[in-house]
Amino acid sequence: MKLSTLRKIDYYAGVPLCFLLDIFSIFLAPFRKKTRKLKNILFIELSEAGSLIIAYSAIKRLKKTCPDANLYFMVFKRHTDGLQLLDIIDEDKVLAVRDDNMLNFIIDIIAGVRKIWSARIDSVIDMELFSRATSILTFLSFASNRVGFYGYTGEGLYRGALVHNYKVVYNAYKHMALNFIAMVESLTNAEENIPLLKKSLTDEMITPLRLPRTKEVEENAYRMIKDKFPRLTTDHRLTVINPNAGELPIRAWPLTNFTDVAKSIIDSDEKNVVLIIGLPSAMDDARFMEEKIKSDRLVNLIGITKSLGDVVDLCHLSKILLTNDAGPAQYASLTKTNVVVFFGPETPLLYRPLGENVHPLYTSFSCSPCLTAANHRNSVCNDNKCIKSIPVSEVTDLCLSLLSS
């Protein structure tokens, strides 16, 4: 389903439903008490593939605190391969939800709620930013402990005042990894006061995941590339480019700019090879770049990469990933590649990929960021000058420097 459709359903159906759930919560309150016996815990993070990587530190922290607890995760089916890369949730405890159409969505939600009941979930950590849909799912779990972001005195963003009994402040000035850790800490260690969490959280608490570069990883990456570029050798230096911004085109650096950078990389050294990745919907972007550059060292891998695991494998072999702010930036941070990522409508303060090889490009316009939790990432902007103003020369120089380092 389109993002705009999901927003409308979440607002027009979600708000009145959350109001009704608040009324039900008043009557259920005497029977729903907090428990410190954390045995079966469910994370809900449906819509953001990149957020799964950012959430890793929080999940790992909970697993260390509650080593005997069973951890479950509800996520959109198209993101399950990304969750598998974390290797932290058992496959049989992943509740996958299809979102290709409304019928499948409803069927999988009903099946997911039934599994939640049968698993006797005692705690839910709702990691979505003010989504009414996940607030409703949290209520329907009937779990004793229900953790979620809450606006307190902030106007708007209503998702039920009584659904969550651990109400965590969403802090727009701290990285999302720390926001997620605050949710876990609220569940396991919070005092009985508001707002949550009254505790110092530092960057040292963040433990980024790094995946090993194995022989199997190398073989898969070489196979994908050699299908389109048979003369590939270990002497070639690879740059992966993800020029499409998916469902949020406002986050996209201009395609002509990506094309100019790719051409400069290819022309600067015969050992340089540029790989284009993206969803099938990005095929027109790849064809545009092929038409403008006309080089066999520009390799179109759209349709060749079948999963986020394939993207990670390519990044293991590559010197650089050049990308808009999207899922591949987060998944590339699992490797040692240099991640060059554009920000503007969103801020690196919150969503910067974790790792020492990350190079965020951000102009910090007065109107930026305009995609926030407060507007459900729905901006009125139709001219993203914040990203367009990042000069091609600056990006080219950075990429050439990283390739030669």
Protein backbone atom coordinates (compact mmCIF):
# COMPACT_ATOMS: atom_id res chain seq x y z
CA MET A 1 0.00 0.00 0.00
CA LYS A 2 1.13 3.57 -0.64
CA LEU A 3 2.55 5.57 2.24
CA SER A 4 -0.15 8.22 1.76
CA THR A 5 -2.85 5.54 2.09
CA LEU A 6 -1.32 4.21 5.30
CA ARG A 7 -1.19 7.76 6.73
CA LYS A 8 -4.88 8.36 5.98
CA ILE A 9 -5.95 5.06 7.52
CA ASP A 10 -3.77 5.71 10.57
CA TYR A 11 -5.37 9.13 11.09
CA TYR A 12 -9.02 8.78 10.11
CA ALA A 13 -9.50 5.28 11.54
CA GLY A 14 -6.74 5.33 14.16
CA VAL A 15 -7.71 8.45 16.14
CA PRO A 16 -11.33 7.45 16.91
CA LEU A 17 -10.26 3.85 17.62
CA CYS A 18 -7.60 5.05 20.07
CA PHE A 19 -10.22 7.19 21.79
CA LEU A 20 -12.47 4.16 22.22
CA LEU A 21 -9.54 2.15 23.56
CA ASP A 22 -8.89 4.85 26.14
CA ILE A 23 -12.45 4.38 27.38
CA PHE A 24 -11.99 0.59 27.51
CA SER A 25 -8.69 1.09 29.33
CA ILE A 26 -10.48 2.82 32.21
CA PHE A 27 -12.61 -0.28 32.81
CA LEU A 28 -9.71 -2.68 32.28
CA ALA A 29 -7.30 -0.79 34.53
CA PRO A 30 -8.06 -2.78 37.71
CA PHE A 31 -7.23 -6.02 35.88
CA ARG A 32 -4.07 -4.83 34.01
CA LYS A 33 -1.21 -4.41 36.44
CA LYS A 34 2.50 -4.08 35.76
CA THR A 35 4.68 -7.11 36.35
CA ARG A 36 8.44 -7.38 36.86
CA LYS A 37 8.46 -10.98 35.64
CA LEU A 38 9.48 -10.40 32.04
CA LYS A 39 9.12 -13.70 30.23
CA ASN A 40 7.62 -13.00 26.79
CA ILE A 41 8.42 -9.63 25.27
CA LEU A 42 7.24 -8.29 21.91
CA PHE A 43 8.89 -5.51 19.91
CA ILE A 44 6.74 -3.76 17.29
CA GLU A 45 8.51 -1.87 14.49
CA LEU A 46 6.54 -2.31 11.29
CA SER A 47 7.52 0.25 8.73
CA GLU A 48 11.19 1.24 8.84
CA ALA A 49 13.84 -1.21 7.60
CA GLY A 50 16.68 1.07 8.69
CA SER A 51 15.26 1.41 12.20
CA LEU A 52 15.86 -2.31 12.76
CA ILE A 53 19.60 -1.65 12.62
CA ILE A 54 19.30 1.37 14.90
CA ALA A 55 17.25 -0.71 17.36
CA TYR A 56 19.93 -3.41 17.65
CA SER A 57 21.59 -1.90 20.73
CA ALA A 58 18.28 -1.72 22.59
CA ILE A 59 17.34 -5.31 21.73
CA LYS A 60 20.79 -6.56 22.73
CA ARG A 61 20.55 -4.63 26.00
CA LEU A 62 17.20 -6.20 26.84
CA LYS A 63 18.51 -9.65 25.94
CA LYS A 64 21.43 -9.15 28.34
CA THR A 65 19.15 -7.87 31.12
CA CYS A 66 16.55 -10.62 30.65
CA PRO A 67 18.54 -13.59 29.29
CA ASP A 68 15.74 -16.07 29.89
CA ALA A 69 13.00 -14.02 28.23
CA ASN A 70 11.50 -15.00 24.89
CA LEU A 71 11.78 -12.09 22.45
CA TYR A 72 9.23 -11.63 19.65
CA PHE A 73 9.19 -9.07 16.84
CA MET A 74 6.32 -7.81 14.65
CA VAL A 75 7.46 -6.27 11.35
CA PHE A 76 6.33 -5.82 7.76
CA LYS A 77 7.14 -8.95 5.74
CA ARG A 78 9.28 -7.01 3.26
CA HIS A 79 11.69 -6.16 6.10
CA THR A 80 12.07 -9.64 7.59
CA ASP A 81 15.30 -10.35 5.69
CA GLY A 82 16.83 -7.28 7.33
CA LEU A 83 15.75 -8.51 10.76
CA GLN A 84 17.34 -11.89 10.04
CA LEU A 85 20.71 -10.21 9.50
CA LEU A 86 20.68 -9.07 13.13
CA ASP A 87 20.51 -12.73 14.24
CA ILE A 88 18.96 -11.68 17.55
CA ILE A 89 15.31 -12.80 17.20
CA ASP A 90 14.46 -16.47 16.58
CA GLU A 91 12.82 -16.96 13.19
CA ASP A 92 9.76 -18.67 14.67
CA LYS A 93 9.19 -15.62 16.89
CA VAL A 94 8.97 -13.12 14.00
CA LEU A 95 5.41 -11.98 13.28
CA ALA A 96 5.45 -10.90 9.63
CA VAL A 97 2.72 -8.61 8.29
CA ARG A 98 2.08 -8.15 4.58
CA ASP A 99 1.29 -4.60 3.49
CA ASP A 100 0.84 -5.12 -0.26
CA ASN A 101 -2.93 -4.74 0.06
CA MET A 102 -5.53 -4.14 2.77
CA LEU A 103 -6.91 -7.69 2.79
CA ASN A 104 -3.51 -9.30 3.41
CA PHE A 105 -2.74 -6.65 6.02
CA ILE A 106 -5.91 -7.43 7.98
CA ILE A 107 -5.41 -11.21 7.69
CA ASP A 108 -1.84 -11.01 9.01
CA ILE A 109 -2.76 -8.59 11.80
CA ILE A 110 -5.48 -10.97 13.03
CA ALA A 111 -3.04 -13.90 12.83
CA GLY A 112 -0.41 -11.84 14.65
CA VAL A 113 -2.77 -10.90 17.48
CA ARG A 114 -3.77 -14.53 17.92
CA LYS A 115 -0.10 -15.53 18.14
CA ILE A 116 0.48 -12.77 20.70
CA TRP A 117 -2.32 -14.18 22.84
CA SER A 118 -1.12 -17.77 22.49
CA ALA A 119 2.44 -16.74 23.41
CA ARG A 120 1.13 -15.00 26.54
CA ILE A 121 3.05 -11.81 25.83
CA ASP A 122 3.55 -9.93 29.11
CA SER A 123 5.41 -6.90 27.72
CA VAL A 124 5.19 -4.90 24.48
CA ILE A 125 7.72 -2.30 23.32
CA ASP A 126 6.01 -0.21 20.65
CA MET A 127 8.95 1.37 18.78
CA GLU A 128 6.93 3.27 16.18
CA LEU A 129 6.86 7.06 16.42
CA PHE A 130 3.27 7.94 17.34
CA SER A 131 1.61 5.40 15.04
CA ARG A 132 -1.99 4.75 16.00
CA ALA A 133 -1.93 1.33 14.32
CA THR A 134 0.80 0.02 16.61
CA SER A 135 -0.85 1.67 19.60
CA ILE A 136 -4.00 -0.34 18.83
CA LEU A 137 -1.92 -3.52 18.46
CA THR A 138 -0.29 -2.79 21.81
CA PHE A 139 -3.71 -2.51 23.44
CA LEU A 140 -4.94 -5.72 21.80
CA SER A 141 -1.95 -7.62 23.18
CA PHE A 142 -3.48 -7.22 26.68
CA ALA A 143 0.10 -7.27 27.97
CA SER A 144 0.75 -6.10 31.53
CA ASN A 145 3.64 -3.85 30.45
CA ARG A 146 3.12 -1.59 27.44
CA VAL A 147 5.96 0.76 26.50
CA GLY A 148 5.51 3.53 23.93
CA PHE A 149 6.51 7.07 23.02
CA TYR A 150 4.17 9.67 24.48
CA GLY A 151 3.71 13.40 23.87
CA TYR A 152 2.79 14.38 27.46
CA THR A 153 1.97 18.12 27.22
CA GLY A 154 2.69 18.28 23.49
CA GLU A 155 -0.39 18.99 21.38
CA GLY A 156 -1.39 16.68 18.58
CA LEU A 157 0.04 13.19 17.94
CA TYR A 158 -2.82 11.61 19.88
CA ARG A 159 -2.52 7.82 19.96
CA GLY A 160 -4.37 7.05 23.16
CA ALA A 161 -3.55 8.43 26.59
CA LEU A 162 -4.02 5.19 28.51
CA VAL A 163 -2.88 2.49 26.06
CA HIS A 164 0.76 2.59 27.19
CA ASN A 165 1.53 2.36 30.90
CA TYR A 166 5.24 3.13 30.37
CA LYS A 167 5.12 6.51 28.62
CA VAL A 168 8.57 7.41 27.26
CA VAL A 169 9.54 10.90 26.10
CA TYR A 170 10.58 10.96 22.45
CA ASN A 171 13.74 13.07 22.43
CA ALA A 172 14.32 14.75 19.07
CA TYR A 173 17.78 15.86 20.22
CA LYS A 174 19.18 12.37 20.78
CA HIS A 175 19.93 9.62 18.28
CA MET A 176 17.12 7.12 17.78
CA ALA A 177 19.36 4.36 19.13
CA LEU A 178 19.26 6.13 22.51
CA ASN A 179 15.50 6.72 22.22
CA PHE A 180 15.05 2.97 21.77
CA ILE A 181 17.40 2.23 24.69
CA ALA A 182 15.25 4.58 26.82
CA MET A 183 12.26 2.33 26.08
CA VAL A 184 14.10 -0.78 27.25
CA GLU A 185 15.44 0.99 30.35
CA SER A 186 11.93 2.23 31.16
CA LEU A 187 10.65 -1.33 31.12
CA THR A 188 13.48 -2.90 33.12
CA ASN A 189 14.67 -0.17 35.51
CA ALA A 190 12.36 2.84 35.54
CA GLU A 191 11.15 4.40 38.75
CA GLU A 192 7.47 5.15 39.27
CA ASN A 193 7.55 8.75 38.07
CA ILE A 194 6.93 10.79 34.95
CA PRO A 195 8.06 11.62 32.42
CA LEU A 196 10.12 8.56 31.59
CA LEU A 197 13.06 8.11 31.44
CA LYS A 198 14.81 10.00 34.25
CA LYS A 199 18.24 8.53 33.61
CA SER A 200 21.39 9.59 31.79
CA LEU A 201 21.92 7.81 28.48
CA THR A 202 25.24 8.19 26.65
CA ASP A 203 26.61 7.17 23.28
CA GLU A 204 28.77 4.56 25.02
CA MET A 205 25.58 2.52 25.51
CA ILE A 206 25.25 2.11 21.74
CA THR A 207 26.83 -1.11 20.49
CA PRO A 208 26.79 -1.11 16.68
CA LEU A 209 26.60 -4.49 14.99
CA ARG A 210 29.35 -5.51 12.57
CA LEU A 211 28.91 -8.47 10.23
CA PRO A 212 31.96 -10.51 9.18
CA ARG A 213 33.17 -10.63 5.60
CA THR A 214 33.11 -14.36 4.94
CA LYS A 215 34.01 -16.44 1.91
CA GLU A 216 30.31 -17.04 1.30
CA VAL A 217 29.67 -13.26 1.35
CA GLU A 218 32.45 -12.65 -1.17
CA GLU A 219 31.27 -15.42 -3.50
CA ASN A 220 27.71 -14.06 -3.51
CA ALA A 221 28.86 -10.50 -4.20
CA TYR A 222 31.22 -11.53 -7.00
CA ARG A 223 28.51 -13.67 -8.58
CA MET A 224 26.04 -10.76 -8.68
CA ILE A 225 28.58 -8.38 -10.21
CA LYS A 226 30.05 -10.83 -12.73
CA ASP A 227 26.61 -11.57 -14.13
CA LYS A 228 26.70 -8.01 -15.50
CA PHE A 229 30.45 -7.26 -15.51
CA PRO A 230 32.32 -10.50 -16.36
CA ARG A 231 35.81 -8.95 -16.37
CA LEU A 232 35.68 -8.04 -12.69
CA THR A 233 38.94 -8.68 -10.81
CA THR A 234 40.16 -8.04 -7.28
CA ASP A 235 42.04 -5.00 -8.62
CA HIS A 236 38.81 -3.13 -9.30
CA ARG A 237 37.63 -0.60 -6.72
CA LEU A 238 33.87 -0.69 -6.24
CA THR A 239 31.47 2.14 -5.45
CA VAL A 240 27.82 1.31 -4.77
CA ILE A 241 25.28 4.02 -5.60
CA ASN A 242 21.66 4.04 -4.44
CA PRO A 243 20.13 7.02 -6.28
CA ASN A 244 16.45 6.44 -5.50
CA ALA A 245 14.71 7.60 -2.30
CA GLY A 246 11.76 5.19 -2.52
CA GLU A 247 8.51 6.31 -0.91
CA LEU A 248 9.95 9.67 0.19
CA PRO A 249 11.36 11.34 -2.95
CA ILE A 250 11.84 14.55 -0.95
CA ARG A 251 14.97 12.87 0.48
CA ALA A 252 16.57 12.41 -2.94
CA TRP A 253 19.69 14.20 -4.14
CA PRO A 254 19.11 15.02 -7.85
CA LEU A 255 19.64 12.07 -10.20
CA THR A 256 21.75 14.23 -12.51
CA ASN A 257 24.12 14.86 -9.59
CA PHE A 258 24.47 11.15 -8.88
CA THR A 259 25.19 10.69 -12.59
CA ASP A 260 27.90 13.36 -12.59
CA VAL A 261 29.61 11.85 -9.55
CA ALA A 262 29.46 8.35 -11.03
CA LYS A 263 30.96 9.58 -14.30
CA SER A 264 33.79 11.37 -12.47
CA ILE A 265 34.57 8.23 -10.47
CA ILE A 266 34.65 6.07 -13.61
CA ASP A 267 36.70 8.58 -15.62
CA SER A 268 39.25 9.15 -12.85
CA ASP A 269 40.70 5.63 -12.94
CA GLU A 270 40.13 2.56 -15.08
CA LYS A 271 40.08 0.44 -11.92
CA ASN A 272 36.94 2.18 -10.64
CA VAL A 273 33.60 0.42 -11.08
CA VAL A 274 30.22 1.90 -10.06
CA LEU A 275 27.36 -0.41 -9.08
CA ILE A 276 23.74 0.85 -9.12
CA ILE A 277 21.33 -0.72 -6.64
CA GLY A 278 17.68 -0.10 -5.80
CA LEU A 279 14.18 -1.49 -5.81
CA PRO A 280 12.64 -2.47 -9.19
CA SER A 281 10.83 0.90 -9.18
CA ALA A 282 14.24 2.58 -9.54
CA MET A 283 14.99 0.97 -12.91
CA ASP A 284 14.27 4.21 -14.82
CA ASP A 285 16.91 5.98 -12.71
CA ALA A 286 19.47 3.33 -13.58
CA ARG A 287 18.64 3.52 -17.28
CA PHE A 288 19.03 7.30 -17.19
CA MET A 289 22.51 6.93 -15.71
CA GLU A 290 23.45 4.24 -18.24
CA GLU A 291 22.34 6.46 -21.12
CA LYS A 292 24.35 9.44 -19.87
CA ILE A 293 27.56 7.64 -18.92
CA LYS A 294 27.81 4.83 -21.52
CA SER A 295 30.46 2.73 -19.80
CA ASP A 296 30.59 -0.96 -19.06
CA ARG A 297 32.08 -0.01 -15.67
CA LEU A 298 28.67 1.39 -14.70
CA VAL A 299 26.92 -1.83 -13.65
CA ASN A 300 23.16 -1.92 -13.19
CA LEU A 301 22.33 -4.40 -10.41
CA ILE A 302 18.66 -3.47 -10.00
CA GLY A 303 16.81 -6.77 -10.14
CA ILE A 304 20.03 -8.66 -9.35
CA THR A 305 20.03 -7.79 -5.66
CA LYS A 306 17.10 -9.72 -4.21
CA SER A 307 17.40 -8.79 -0.54
CA LEU A 308 19.03 -6.46 1.96
CA GLY A 309 21.47 -9.29 2.60
CA ASP A 310 22.63 -8.98 -1.02
CA VAL A 311 23.14 -5.24 -0.52
CA VAL A 312 25.25 -5.92 2.59
CA ASP A 313 27.34 -8.47 0.68
CA LEU A 314 28.05 -5.92 -2.08
CA CYS A 315 29.05 -3.33 0.52
CA HIS A 316 31.51 -5.78 2.06
CA LEU A 317 33.40 -5.76 -1.27
CA SER A 318 33.04 -2.03 -1.93
CA LYS A 319 34.96 1.04 -0.84
CA ILE A 320 31.93 3.36 -0.78
CA LEU A 321 28.16 3.40 -0.62
CA LEU A 322 26.78 6.71 -1.92
CA THR A 323 23.11 6.97 -1.03
CA ASN A 324 20.13 9.04 -0.05
CA ASP A 325 18.91 8.66 3.51
CA ALA A 326 17.31 5.22 3.19
CA GLY A 327 17.59 1.65 4.44
CA PRO A 328 20.79 0.74 2.52
CA ALA A 329 22.72 3.41 4.46
CA GLN A 330 21.89 1.68 7.75
CA TYR A 331 22.65 -1.80 6.42
CA ALA A 332 25.94 -0.72 4.85
CA SER A 333 27.02 0.43 8.32
CA LEU A 334 27.15 -3.27 9.26
CA THR A 335 30.27 -3.49 7.07
CA LYS A 336 33.57 -1.60 6.86
CA THR A 337 32.58 0.32 3.73
CA ASN A 338 32.48 4.13 3.76
CA VAL A 339 28.86 5.29 3.91
CA VAL A 340 28.34 8.68 2.24
CA VAL A 341 24.73 9.63 2.95
CA PHE A 342 22.64 12.74 2.22
CA PHE A 343 20.48 14.36 4.88
CA GLY A 344 18.23 17.43 4.69
CA PRO A 345 14.53 16.73 5.19
CA GLU A 346 15.69 14.48 8.05
CA THR A 347 18.61 15.04 10.39
CA PRO A 348 21.75 12.98 11.05
CA LEU A 349 21.34 13.92 14.72
CA LEU A 350 18.56 11.33 14.90
CA TYR A 351 19.16 8.93 12.04
CA ARG A 352 22.88 8.90 11.24
CA PRO A 353 24.07 5.33 10.53
CA LEU A 354 26.21 4.06 13.37
CA GLY A 355 29.92 3.53 12.81
CA GLU A 356 33.24 5.24 12.29
CA ASN A 357 33.12 5.08 8.47
CA VAL A 358 29.98 7.20 8.07
CA HIS A 359 30.14 10.54 6.25
CA PRO A 360 26.82 12.42 6.55
CA LEU A 361 26.30 15.37 4.20
CA TYR A 362 23.95 17.95 5.69
CA THR A 363 23.43 21.65 5.00
CA SER A 364 21.34 22.43 8.10
CA PHE A 365 18.83 24.78 6.46
CA SER A 366 16.60 26.80 8.80
CA CYS A 367 13.59 24.71 7.67
CA SER A 368 15.42 21.42 8.15
CA PRO A 369 14.49 18.83 9.25
CA CYS A 370 10.92 19.02 7.94
CA LEU A 371 10.19 15.28 8.11
CA THR A 372 9.56 14.70 11.80
CA ALA A 373 7.51 12.66 14.23
CA ALA A 374 5.31 15.72 14.69
CA ASN A 375 4.07 15.57 11.08
CA HIS A 376 4.34 11.82 10.54
CA ARG A 377 7.09 12.55 7.97
CA ASN A 378 4.65 14.39 5.73
CA SER A 379 6.21 17.68 4.62
CA VAL A 380 4.61 20.41 2.49
CA CYS A 381 7.97 21.05 0.79
CA ASN A 382 8.05 20.50 -2.96
CA ASP A 383 11.57 21.83 -3.57
CA ASN A 384 14.20 20.14 -1.39
CA LYS A 385 16.87 22.81 -1.71
CA CYS A 386 18.47 21.52 1.50
CA ILE A 387 19.73 18.50 -0.43
CA LYS A 388 20.03 20.10 -3.86
CA SER A 389 22.46 22.66 -2.43
CA ILE A 390 25.05 19.98 -1.59
CA PRO A 391 27.54 20.55 -4.43
CA VAL A 392 28.57 17.81 -6.84
CA SER A 393 32.20 18.89 -6.53
CA GLU A 394 32.20 18.33 -2.76
CA VAL A 395 30.71 14.85 -3.11
CA THR A 396 33.05 13.94 -5.96
CA ASP A 397 36.14 15.06 -4.05
CA LEU A 398 35.07 13.10 -0.99
CA CYS A 399 34.42 9.92 -2.96
CA LEU A 400 37.69 10.12 -4.89
CA SER A 401 39.57 10.71 -1.64
CA LEU A 402 37.95 7.67 -0.03
CA LEU A 403 38.67 5.52 -3.08
CA SER A 404 42.36 6.43 -3.03
CA SER A 405 42.79 6.07 0.75
